[in-house]
């Protein structure tokens, strides 16, 4: 099993310790680019489809909130990536 597939399986299991860095790797694998807004605002945009998802980068700890994990899973399902 590839490192990417392990990270994706981990995301789908909705762990309470999923990190921002893991999310960045998954989104990058699917072709999304991270765009920085003001403060901790971030947007992952797919340049081919022009579809994006907006989030706040967690701080000071890099652990994602559960609602963010659920939002990402739903977004990837809608885009046919999961």
Protein backbone atom coordinates (compact mmCIF):
# COMPACT_ATOMS: atom_id res chain seq x y z
CA UNK A 1 0.00 0.00 0.00
CA UNK A 2 1.40 3.41 -0.97
CA UNK A 3 2.03 6.23 1.46
CA UNK A 4 -0.72 8.23 -0.25
CA UNK A 5 -3.25 5.38 0.07
CA UNK A 6 -2.41 5.01 3.76
CA UNK A 7 -2.99 8.74 4.31
CA UNK A 8 -6.26 8.60 2.37
CA UNK A 9 -7.49 5.59 4.35
CA UNK A 10 -6.54 7.44 7.51
CA UNK A 11 -8.53 10.50 6.43
CA UNK A 12 -11.59 8.37 5.69
CA UNK A 13 -11.37 6.82 9.17
CA UNK A 14 -11.77 10.35 10.64
CA UNK A 15 -8.95 10.24 13.19
CA UNK A 16 -8.78 12.88 15.89
CA UNK A 17 -5.08 13.51 15.19
CA UNK A 18 -5.11 14.17 11.42
CA UNK A 19 -2.62 16.92 10.62
CA UNK A 20 -2.58 19.85 8.24
CA UNK A 21 0.53 18.44 6.57
CA UNK A 22 -1.29 15.16 5.82
CA UNK A 23 -4.15 17.14 4.30
CA UNK A 24 -1.75 19.15 2.16
CA UNK A 25 -0.20 15.93 0.81
CA UNK A 26 -3.60 14.44 -0.07
CA UNK A 27 -4.89 17.58 -1.74
CA UNK A 28 -1.64 18.02 -3.68
CA UNK A 29 -1.87 14.41 -4.90
CA UNK A 30 -5.34 15.19 -6.31
CA UNK A 31 -3.95 18.24 -8.15
CA UNK A 32 -5.07 20.98 -5.77
CA UNK A 33 -2.90 24.00 -5.09
CA UNK A 34 -2.88 25.72 -1.72
CA UNK A 35 -3.62 29.44 -1.84
CA UNK A 36 -3.02 31.63 1.18
CA UNK A 37 -5.48 34.29 2.24
CA UNK A 38 -5.37 36.65 5.15
CA UNK A 39 -4.34 35.23 8.51
CA UNK A 40 -4.87 31.48 8.70
CA UNK A 41 -7.34 31.36 5.78
CA UNK A 42 -6.37 28.80 3.12
CA UNK A 43 -7.97 27.66 -0.09
CA UNK A 44 -7.26 24.46 -1.96
CA UNK A 45 -8.06 25.00 -5.64
CA UNK A 46 -7.91 22.56 -8.52
CA UNK A 47 -6.59 24.63 -11.46
CA UNK A 48 -8.14 22.30 -14.05
CA UNK A 49 -11.69 22.39 -12.69
CA UNK A 50 -11.42 25.78 -10.92
CA UNK A 51 -13.22 24.20 -7.96
CA UNK A 52 -11.97 25.09 -4.51
CA UNK A 53 -12.55 24.46 -0.83
CA UNK A 54 -11.82 27.12 1.79
CA UNK A 55 -10.51 26.34 5.27
CA UNK A 56 -8.62 27.77 8.21
CA UNK A 57 -5.20 26.31 8.86
CA UNK A 58 -5.24 25.15 12.49
CA UNK A 59 -2.90 26.82 14.95
CA UNK A 60 -1.02 26.65 17.22
CA UNK A 61 -1.38 22.86 16.92
CA UNK A 62 -1.61 21.48 13.36
CA UNK A 63 -4.46 19.06 14.18
CA UNK A 64 -7.61 19.39 12.05
CA UNK A 65 -11.02 19.78 13.68
CA UNK A 66 -13.52 17.01 12.96
CA UNK A 67 -15.81 19.31 10.95
CA UNK A 68 -12.89 20.11 8.62
CA UNK A 69 -12.17 16.41 8.07
CA UNK A 70 -15.84 15.81 7.29
CA UNK A 71 -15.90 18.82 4.94
CA UNK A 72 -12.87 17.53 3.03
CA UNK A 73 -14.29 14.01 2.76
CA UNK A 74 -17.59 15.37 1.45
CA UNK A 75 -15.80 17.66 -1.03
CA UNK A 76 -13.66 14.83 -2.39
CA UNK A 77 -16.75 12.61 -2.73
CA UNK A 78 -18.61 15.34 -4.64
CA UNK A 79 -15.67 15.65 -7.00
CA UNK A 80 -15.58 11.89 -7.57
CA UNK A 81 -12.16 11.50 -5.99
CA UNK A 82 -13.32 9.18 -3.18
